[in-house]
């Protein structure tokens, strides 16, 4: 309980400090990580990750990706923008493996596959609150960022399941297909047994405004059920959380404002801050101080491998009349947003460390690099946008 107190204190202080920073240029996520570093074993050693806190940490990570999956519009992904984002991510993946191969090291503990996957990620779950606060959701710019962010999260999750699974790639692929089939079954059975028009509105009316909180409980049940299924198939629970978000959106295609408000309260008010604070507790400042060039190189590689292809794709994006969809400044902003990564970097390095393929020191440096992207890239994109508006 003492550790949870310090974690929640760091979580409560972070948004206050973020609001005090002029223009809110320092993302709350960075402050949560910094708070975790301060109270963790590499800082003041006030808190540790015990089994109950680790469970809350897993639930926080799951809620982060569930909400990211819930925000995704499947119709948008099927369109030209989604196909462009998928093709761009595949280019990023090839470029990442080529870069890691060229820079290859003899030290197997650096886990080249994990590093390559980390280079292609986008922190969509982290970016969504910022996009909402800036009223960019639903705009052409926001949809483009979400499209690239979707495949920047889903692609690395699938790559992790196949390439970093406990089985070989072929068997992991088969297992992944079976899991997807099981997830589809979970989504389909309820709507086949009872008409959707009866299920969802009925639950919302009957339990949404009572102590039963039926819709919230069913959402958590969906998340936990798919997470347990992922454990059975020996897959990462991030995939299960993403699938839960997709399923929830399928059941509520038009969304439900009351449910979304309550999920935001549960997720961003409690579980997700715990995930980021505990992630910060695992960062070793001494390891970062010993390898500053590695930190800088990793951030630059993210900009090259992830940002470069997204920039080119956005510059080539055209409207139906053949005119560019975005000018150069906005294209750079999309690339900066898409290059922002953290949760998946935390996840992929954790998998590599648990498998004994990456040292904890290297993982600390990579996670710190992800934190740097969250701190600097959205800030830079925001400053570019505001500078552009001022000049107009």
Protein backbone atom coordinates (compact mmCIF):
# COMPACT_ATOMS: atom_id res chain seq x y z
CA UNK A 1 0.00 0.00 0.00
CA UNK A 2 2.91 2.34 0.70
CA UNK A 3 4.21 1.93 -2.84
CA UNK A 4 0.74 2.57 -4.26
CA UNK A 5 0.55 5.79 -2.22
CA UNK A 6 3.73 7.16 -3.79
CA UNK A 7 2.65 6.06 -7.26
CA UNK A 8 -0.72 7.77 -6.92
CA UNK A 9 0.96 10.88 -5.50
CA UNK A 10 3.17 11.06 -8.59
CA UNK A 11 0.09 10.50 -10.77
CA UNK A 12 -1.83 13.28 -9.03
CA UNK A 13 0.99 15.83 -9.15
CA UNK A 14 1.85 15.28 -12.86
CA UNK A 15 -1.25 16.97 -14.39
CA UNK A 16 -0.89 19.93 -12.00
CA UNK A 17 2.69 20.52 -13.15
CA UNK A 18 1.71 19.96 -16.80
CA UNK A 19 -1.03 22.61 -16.50
CA UNK A 20 1.45 25.06 -14.96
CA UNK A 21 3.87 24.80 -17.89
CA UNK A 22 3.29 27.60 -20.41
CA UNK A 23 1.31 26.41 -23.45
CA UNK A 24 1.18 22.93 -21.84
CA UNK A 25 4.23 22.05 -23.89
CA UNK A 26 5.39 19.29 -21.53
CA UNK A 27 3.12 16.23 -21.96
CA UNK A 28 1.76 14.73 -18.78
CA UNK A 29 3.12 11.33 -19.82
CA UNK A 30 6.70 12.61 -19.55
CA UNK A 31 6.01 13.92 -16.05
CA UNK A 32 4.52 10.57 -15.03
CA UNK A 33 7.68 8.82 -16.21
CA UNK A 34 9.85 11.37 -14.40
CA UNK A 35 7.82 10.87 -11.24
CA UNK A 36 8.32 7.13 -11.51
CA UNK A 37 12.08 7.59 -11.90
CA UNK A 38 12.10 9.82 -8.82
CA UNK A 39 10.22 7.46 -6.49
CA UNK A 40 11.54 4.21 -7.98
CA UNK A 41 14.44 1.97 -6.99
CA UNK A 42 16.89 4.00 -9.11
CA UNK A 43 15.76 7.24 -7.45
CA UNK A 44 14.60 7.79 -3.87
CA UNK A 45 13.56 4.13 -3.56
CA UNK A 46 10.20 5.02 -2.08
CA UNK A 47 8.17 2.53 -4.13
CA UNK A 48 8.59 -0.86 -5.73
CA UNK A 49 6.57 -2.93 -8.19
CA UNK A 50 4.90 -5.58 -6.07
CA UNK A 51 2.54 -8.23 -7.46
CA UNK A 52 -0.65 -6.17 -6.88
CA UNK A 53 0.89 -3.09 -8.49
CA UNK A 54 2.12 -5.18 -11.41
CA UNK A 55 -1.47 -6.32 -11.96
CA UNK A 56 -2.66 -2.70 -11.97
CA UNK A 57 0.18 -1.89 -14.35
CA UNK A 58 -1.02 -4.60 -16.76
CA UNK A 59 -4.59 -3.34 -16.54
CA UNK A 60 -3.38 0.20 -17.25
CA UNK A 61 -1.52 -0.94 -20.33
CA UNK A 62 -4.58 -2.89 -21.41
CA UNK A 63 -6.92 0.08 -20.99
CA UNK A 64 -4.52 2.29 -22.95
CA UNK A 65 -4.65 -0.01 -25.95
CA UNK A 66 -8.35 -0.79 -25.56
CA UNK A 67 -9.16 2.91 -25.87
CA UNK A 68 -6.80 3.18 -28.83
CA UNK A 69 -8.57 0.28 -30.54
CA UNK A 70 -11.97 1.78 -29.71
CA UNK A 71 -11.10 5.07 -31.45
CA UNK A 72 -10.21 3.36 -34.73
CA UNK A 73 -12.69 3.68 -37.57
CA UNK A 74 -12.55 0.44 -39.57
CA UNK A 75 -14.13 2.08 -42.62
CA UNK A 76 -11.37 4.68 -42.60
CA UNK A 77 -8.69 1.97 -42.50
CA UNK A 78 -10.30 0.24 -45.47
CA UNK A 79 -10.13 3.44 -47.49
CA UNK A 80 -7.27 5.01 -49.35
CA UNK A 81 -5.87 6.68 -46.23
CA UNK A 82 -5.73 3.38 -44.36
CA UNK A 83 -4.10 1.55 -47.26
CA UNK A 84 -1.53 4.32 -47.55
CA UNK A 85 -0.77 4.11 -43.82
CA UNK A 86 -0.38 0.32 -43.99
CA UNK A 87 1.98 0.52 -46.95
CA UNK A 88 3.98 3.22 -45.18
CA UNK A 89 4.34 1.10 -42.04
CA UNK A 90 5.53 -1.89 -44.07
CA UNK A 91 8.19 0.35 -45.66
CA UNK A 92 9.17 1.47 -42.14
CA UNK A 93 9.52 -2.16 -41.04
CA UNK A 94 11.77 -3.08 -43.96
CA UNK A 95 13.83 0.06 -43.40
CA UNK A 96 14.10 -0.71 -39.68
CA UNK A 97 15.44 -4.22 -40.23
CA UNK A 98 17.83 -2.95 -42.90
CA UNK A 99 19.09 -0.24 -40.54
CA UNK A 100 19.54 -2.63 -37.64
CA UNK A 101 21.34 -5.09 -39.93
CA UNK A 102 23.68 -2.37 -41.21
CA UNK A 103 24.41 -1.20 -37.68
CA UNK A 104 24.52 -4.78 -36.43
CA UNK A 105 26.42 -5.57 -33.27
CA UNK A 106 28.00 -8.74 -31.98
CA UNK A 107 26.34 -8.29 -28.63
CA UNK A 108 23.24 -10.50 -28.81
CA UNK A 109 21.80 -8.83 -25.71
CA UNK A 110 20.88 -5.80 -27.79
CA UNK A 111 18.05 -7.82 -29.41
CA UNK A 112 18.11 -6.50 -32.96
CA UNK A 113 14.56 -7.69 -33.73
CA UNK A 114 13.13 -5.90 -30.70
CA UNK A 115 14.97 -2.69 -31.60
CA UNK A 116 13.72 -2.85 -35.19
CA UNK A 117 10.11 -3.27 -34.05
CA UNK A 118 10.49 -0.40 -31.58
CA UNK A 119 11.69 1.90 -34.37
CA UNK A 120 8.41 1.47 -36.28
CA UNK A 121 5.98 2.18 -33.44
CA UNK A 122 3.62 5.11 -32.88
CA UNK A 123 2.13 5.90 -29.48
CA UNK A 124 -1.46 6.31 -30.68
CA UNK A 125 -2.88 5.69 -27.20
CA UNK A 126 -0.65 8.43 -25.86
CA UNK A 127 -1.44 10.83 -28.72
CA UNK A 128 -5.23 10.48 -28.69
CA UNK A 129 -5.80 12.62 -25.56
CA UNK A 130 -3.54 15.33 -27.03
CA UNK A 131 -5.38 15.21 -30.37
CA UNK A 132 -8.71 15.48 -28.54
CA UNK A 133 -7.55 18.42 -26.42
CA UNK A 134 -6.41 20.21 -29.61
CA UNK A 135 -9.76 19.44 -31.32
CA UNK A 136 -8.01 17.64 -34.18
CA UNK A 137 -10.04 14.43 -34.05
CA UNK A 138 -12.26 14.14 -37.11
CA UNK A 139 -10.28 16.67 -39.15
CA UNK A 140 -8.33 15.55 -42.25
CA UNK A 141 -5.10 16.16 -40.32
CA UNK A 142 -6.32 14.19 -37.31
CA UNK A 143 -7.58 11.29 -39.45
CA UNK A 144 -4.20 11.06 -41.19
CA UNK A 145 -2.38 10.97 -37.85
CA UNK A 146 -4.79 8.33 -36.52
CA UNK A 147 -4.38 6.19 -39.65
CA UNK A 148 -0.60 6.18 -39.36
CA UNK A 149 -0.86 5.76 -35.60
CA UNK A 150 -3.18 2.79 -35.92
CA UNK A 151 -0.74 0.78 -38.01
CA UNK A 152 2.11 2.17 -35.92
CA UNK A 153 0.55 0.34 -32.96
CA UNK A 154 -1.16 -2.64 -34.57
CA UNK A 155 1.78 -3.50 -36.86
CA UNK A 156 4.39 -3.71 -34.08
CA UNK A 157 1.98 -5.69 -31.89
CA UNK A 158 1.53 -8.30 -34.63
CA UNK A 159 5.29 -8.29 -35.34
CA UNK A 160 5.95 -8.87 -31.64
CA UNK A 161 3.51 -11.78 -31.57
CA UNK A 162 5.17 -13.44 -34.56
CA UNK A 163 8.86 -12.55 -34.21
CA UNK A 164 9.24 -12.36 -30.42
CA UNK A 165 6.85 -15.14 -29.44
CA UNK A 166 8.02 -18.04 -27.31
CA UNK A 167 7.43 -20.31 -30.31
CA UNK A 168 9.09 -20.04 -33.71
CA UNK A 169 7.74 -17.51 -36.25
CA UNK A 170 5.72 -20.10 -38.17
CA UNK A 171 4.02 -21.58 -35.11
CA UNK A 172 3.51 -18.08 -33.66
CA UNK A 173 1.77 -17.02 -36.87
CA UNK A 174 -0.59 -20.00 -36.69
CA UNK A 175 -1.28 -19.24 -33.02
CA UNK A 176 -1.98 -15.61 -33.88
CA UNK A 177 -4.49 -16.62 -36.56
CA UNK A 178 -6.24 -18.95 -34.10
CA UNK A 179 -6.38 -16.16 -31.50
CA UNK A 180 -7.88 -13.73 -34.02
CA UNK A 181 -10.49 -16.33 -34.90
CA UNK A 182 -11.31 -16.79 -31.22
CA UNK A 183 -11.57 -13.02 -30.75
CA UNK A 184 -13.96 -12.78 -33.71
CA UNK A 185 -16.04 -15.53 -32.14
CA UNK A 186 -16.16 -13.62 -28.86
CA UNK A 187 -17.40 -10.58 -30.79
CA UNK A 188 -19.89 -12.44 -32.94
CA UNK A 189 -21.62 -14.79 -30.50
CA UNK A 190 -23.43 -12.20 -28.37
CA UNK A 191 -24.76 -10.29 -31.38
CA UNK A 192 -25.91 -13.53 -33.01
CA UNK A 193 -27.74 -14.78 -29.93
CA UNK A 194 -29.58 -11.53 -29.25
CA UNK A 195 -30.27 -8.70 -31.70
CA UNK A 196 -27.84 -5.83 -31.25
CA UNK A 197 -30.68 -3.36 -30.98
CA UNK A 198 -31.81 -5.18 -27.83
CA UNK A 199 -28.42 -5.75 -26.21
CA UNK A 200 -26.61 -2.47 -26.25
CA UNK A 201 -29.31 0.17 -25.75
CA UNK A 202 -30.90 -2.05 -23.14
CA UNK A 203 -27.69 -2.33 -21.16
CA UNK A 204 -27.01 1.38 -21.46
CA UNK A 205 -30.49 2.29 -20.23
CA UNK A 206 -30.62 -0.32 -17.47
CA UNK A 207 -27.20 0.04 -15.94
CA UNK A 208 -25.37 3.10 -17.16
CA UNK A 209 -26.66 5.49 -14.48
CA UNK A 210 -26.98 3.05 -11.56
CA UNK A 211 -24.53 1.48 -9.16
CA UNK A 212 -24.53 -1.56 -11.45
CA UNK A 213 -22.48 0.34 -14.09
CA UNK A 214 -23.23 -2.57 -16.41
CA UNK A 215 -21.50 -1.29 -19.51
CA UNK A 216 -18.28 -0.51 -17.66
CA UNK A 217 -18.28 -3.97 -16.07
CA UNK A 218 -18.87 -5.68 -19.41
CA UNK A 219 -16.06 -3.65 -20.98
CA UNK A 220 -13.64 -4.69 -18.26
CA UNK A 221 -14.87 -8.28 -18.58
CA UNK A 222 -14.17 -8.13 -22.33
CA UNK A 223 -10.65 -6.82 -21.71
CA UNK A 224 -9.84 -9.39 -19.03
CA UNK A 225 -11.36 -12.26 -21.02
CA UNK A 226 -9.32 -11.55 -24.14
CA UNK A 227 -6.21 -10.96 -22.02
CA UNK A 228 -6.68 -14.36 -20.41
CA UNK A 229 -7.17 -15.86 -23.86
CA UNK A 230 -3.92 -14.24 -25.01
CA UNK A 231 -2.11 -15.76 -22.04
CA UNK A 232 -3.44 -19.19 -23.00
CA UNK A 233 -2.10 -18.70 -26.54
CA UNK A 234 1.15 -17.26 -25.10
CA UNK A 235 0.63 -13.94 -26.91
CA UNK A 236 1.25 -10.43 -25.61
CA UNK A 237 -1.77 -8.98 -23.82
CA UNK A 238 -1.43 -5.76 -25.83
CA UNK A 239 -2.89 -7.62 -28.80
CA UNK A 240 -5.83 -8.70 -26.65
CA UNK A 241 -6.45 -5.15 -25.48
CA UNK A 242 -6.40 -3.82 -29.04
CA UNK A 243 -8.84 -6.55 -30.07
CA UNK A 244 -11.11 -5.65 -27.15
CA UNK A 245 -11.21 -2.05 -28.38
CA UNK A 246 -12.13 -3.17 -31.90
CA UNK A 247 -14.89 -5.39 -30.54
CA UNK A 248 -16.29 -2.64 -28.32
CA UNK A 249 -16.45 -0.30 -31.31
CA UNK A 250 -18.24 -3.02 -33.31
CA UNK A 251 -20.84 -3.44 -30.58
CA UNK A 252 -21.19 0.34 -30.26
CA UNK A 253 -20.61 1.53 -33.84
CA UNK A 254 -22.00 4.98 -33.09
CA UNK A 255 -20.22 5.24 -29.76
CA UNK A 256 -21.79 6.04 -26.40
CA UNK A 257 -20.77 9.30 -24.74
CA UNK A 258 -21.70 8.25 -21.22
CA UNK A 259 -19.75 5.01 -21.42
CA UNK A 260 -16.76 6.77 -22.99
CA UNK A 261 -16.74 9.37 -20.20
CA UNK A 262 -16.71 6.66 -17.54
CA UNK A 263 -14.03 4.64 -19.29
CA UNK A 264 -11.89 7.78 -19.59
CA UNK A 265 -12.31 8.35 -15.87
CA UNK A 266 -11.32 4.80 -15.00
CA UNK A 267 -8.47 4.66 -17.51
CA UNK A 268 -6.89 8.12 -17.40
CA UNK A 269 -7.86 8.82 -13.80
CA UNK A 270 -6.46 5.62 -12.32
CA UNK A 271 -5.08 2.75 -14.38
CA UNK A 272 -3.10 4.42 -17.19
CA UNK A 273 -1.17 6.80 -14.87
CA UNK A 274 -0.11 3.76 -12.83
CA UNK A 275 1.24 2.16 -16.01
CA UNK A 276 3.35 5.18 -16.92
CA UNK A 277 4.62 5.80 -13.38
CA UNK A 278 5.65 2.16 -12.94
CA UNK A 279 7.29 2.26 -16.37
CA UNK A 280 9.32 5.24 -15.18
CA UNK A 281 10.33 3.30 -12.08
CA UNK A 282 12.12 0.84 -14.34
CA UNK A 283 14.29 3.50 -16.00
CA UNK A 284 17.87 3.63 -14.71
CA UNK A 285 19.23 7.21 -14.99
CA UNK A 286 22.78 5.93 -14.54
CA UNK A 287 22.43 3.68 -17.60
CA UNK A 288 21.22 6.67 -19.61
CA UNK A 289 24.11 8.82 -18.37
CA UNK A 290 26.55 6.10 -19.40
CA UNK A 291 25.17 5.92 -22.96
CA UNK A 292 24.00 9.40 -24.04
CA UNK A 293 25.07 8.81 -27.64
CA UNK A 294 22.97 5.66 -27.80
CA UNK A 295 19.95 7.65 -26.58
CA UNK A 296 20.47 10.36 -29.20
CA UNK A 297 21.10 7.80 -31.94
CA UNK A 298 17.92 5.91 -31.09
CA UNK A 299 15.78 9.06 -31.28
CA UNK A 300 17.38 10.03 -34.60
CA UNK A 301 16.78 6.53 -35.96
CA UNK A 302 13.10 6.80 -35.01
CA UNK A 303 12.87 10.04 -36.97
CA UNK A 304 14.62 8.43 -39.93
CA UNK A 305 12.91 5.03 -39.97
CA UNK A 306 9.39 6.05 -38.89
CA UNK A 307 9.21 9.76 -39.62
CA UNK A 308 10.91 9.69 -43.02
CA UNK A 309 8.48 7.35 -44.81
CA UNK A 310 5.46 9.04 -43.18
CA UNK A 311 6.72 12.44 -44.34
CA UNK A 312 7.14 11.22 -47.92
CA UNK A 313 3.72 9.52 -47.91
CA UNK A 314 2.02 12.66 -46.57
CA UNK A 315 3.74 14.92 -49.09
CA UNK A 316 2.46 12.65 -51.87
CA UNK A 317 -1.09 12.55 -50.53
CA UNK A 318 -3.52 14.17 -52.95
CA UNK A 319 -7.09 15.43 -52.93
CA UNK A 320 -9.58 14.21 -55.60
CA UNK A 321 -8.78 17.28 -57.72
CA UNK A 322 -5.06 16.43 -57.66
CA UNK A 323 -3.98 19.16 -55.24
CA UNK A 324 -1.75 18.29 -52.26
CA UNK A 325 -3.68 17.33 -49.13
CA UNK A 326 -1.15 19.04 -46.88
CA UNK A 327 1.56 21.63 -47.29
CA UNK A 328 5.15 20.87 -46.28
CA UNK A 329 4.72 22.24 -42.76
CA UNK A 330 1.68 20.09 -42.01
CA UNK A 331 3.38 17.07 -43.60
CA UNK A 332 6.29 17.53 -41.20
CA UNK A 333 3.81 17.80 -38.34
CA UNK A 334 2.16 14.49 -39.32
CA UNK A 335 5.59 12.84 -39.47
CA UNK A 336 6.50 14.19 -36.02
CA UNK A 337 3.25 12.90 -34.52
CA UNK A 338 3.72 9.50 -36.15
CA UNK A 339 7.29 9.27 -34.82
CA UNK A 340 6.12 9.66 -31.23
CA UNK A 341 6.51 6.33 -29.46
CA UNK A 342 6.56 5.04 -25.90
CA UNK A 343 4.07 2.36 -24.73
CA UNK A 344 5.14 -0.14 -27.38
CA UNK A 345 8.81 0.64 -26.75
CA UNK A 346 8.15 -0.17 -23.09
CA UNK A 347 6.37 -3.38 -24.08
CA UNK A 348 8.85 -4.64 -26.66
CA UNK A 349 11.88 -3.98 -24.44
CA UNK A 350 10.14 -5.71 -21.52
CA UNK A 351 9.58 -8.80 -23.68
CA UNK A 352 13.22 -8.76 -24.80
CA UNK A 353 14.51 -8.34 -21.23
CA UNK A 354 12.28 -11.14 -19.92
CA UNK A 355 13.59 -13.41 -22.69
CA UNK A 356 17.18 -12.58 -21.70
CA UNK A 357 17.87 -11.07 -25.10
CA UNK A 358 18.32 -7.46 -23.94
CA UNK A 359 20.03 -5.98 -20.90
CA UNK A 360 18.02 -3.89 -18.47
CA UNK A 361 20.46 -1.03 -19.09
CA UNK A 362 19.78 -1.05 -22.83
CA UNK A 363 16.04 -1.20 -22.18
CA UNK A 364 16.32 1.87 -19.92
CA UNK A 365 18.03 3.82 -22.69
CA UNK A 366 15.42 2.82 -25.30
CA UNK A 367 12.50 3.66 -23.01
CA UNK A 368 14.12 7.01 -22.24
CA UNK A 369 14.41 7.55 -26.00
CA UNK A 370 10.69 6.90 -26.32
CA UNK A 371 10.05 9.42 -23.55
CA UNK A 372 12.16 11.98 -25.42
CA UNK A 373 9.99 11.55 -28.52
CA UNK A 374 6.85 12.10 -26.43
CA UNK A 375 8.39 15.24 -24.91
CA UNK A 376 9.91 16.84 -28.01
CA UNK A 377 8.01 15.74 -31.11
CA UNK A 378 4.41 16.74 -30.24
CA UNK A 379 5.84 19.94 -28.74
CA UNK A 380 7.69 20.71 -31.97
CA UNK A 381 4.62 19.89 -34.07
CA UNK A 382 2.50 22.18 -31.89
CA UNK A 383 5.00 25.03 -32.17
CA UNK A 384 5.10 24.59 -35.96
CA UNK A 385 1.30 24.78 -36.12
CA UNK A 386 1.10 27.84 -33.88
CA UNK A 387 3.90 29.55 -35.78
CA UNK A 388 2.03 28.88 -39.03
CA UNK A 389 -1.22 30.30 -37.61
CA UNK A 390 0.58 33.41 -36.28
CA UNK A 391 2.14 34.13 -39.67
CA UNK A 392 -1.25 33.89 -41.30
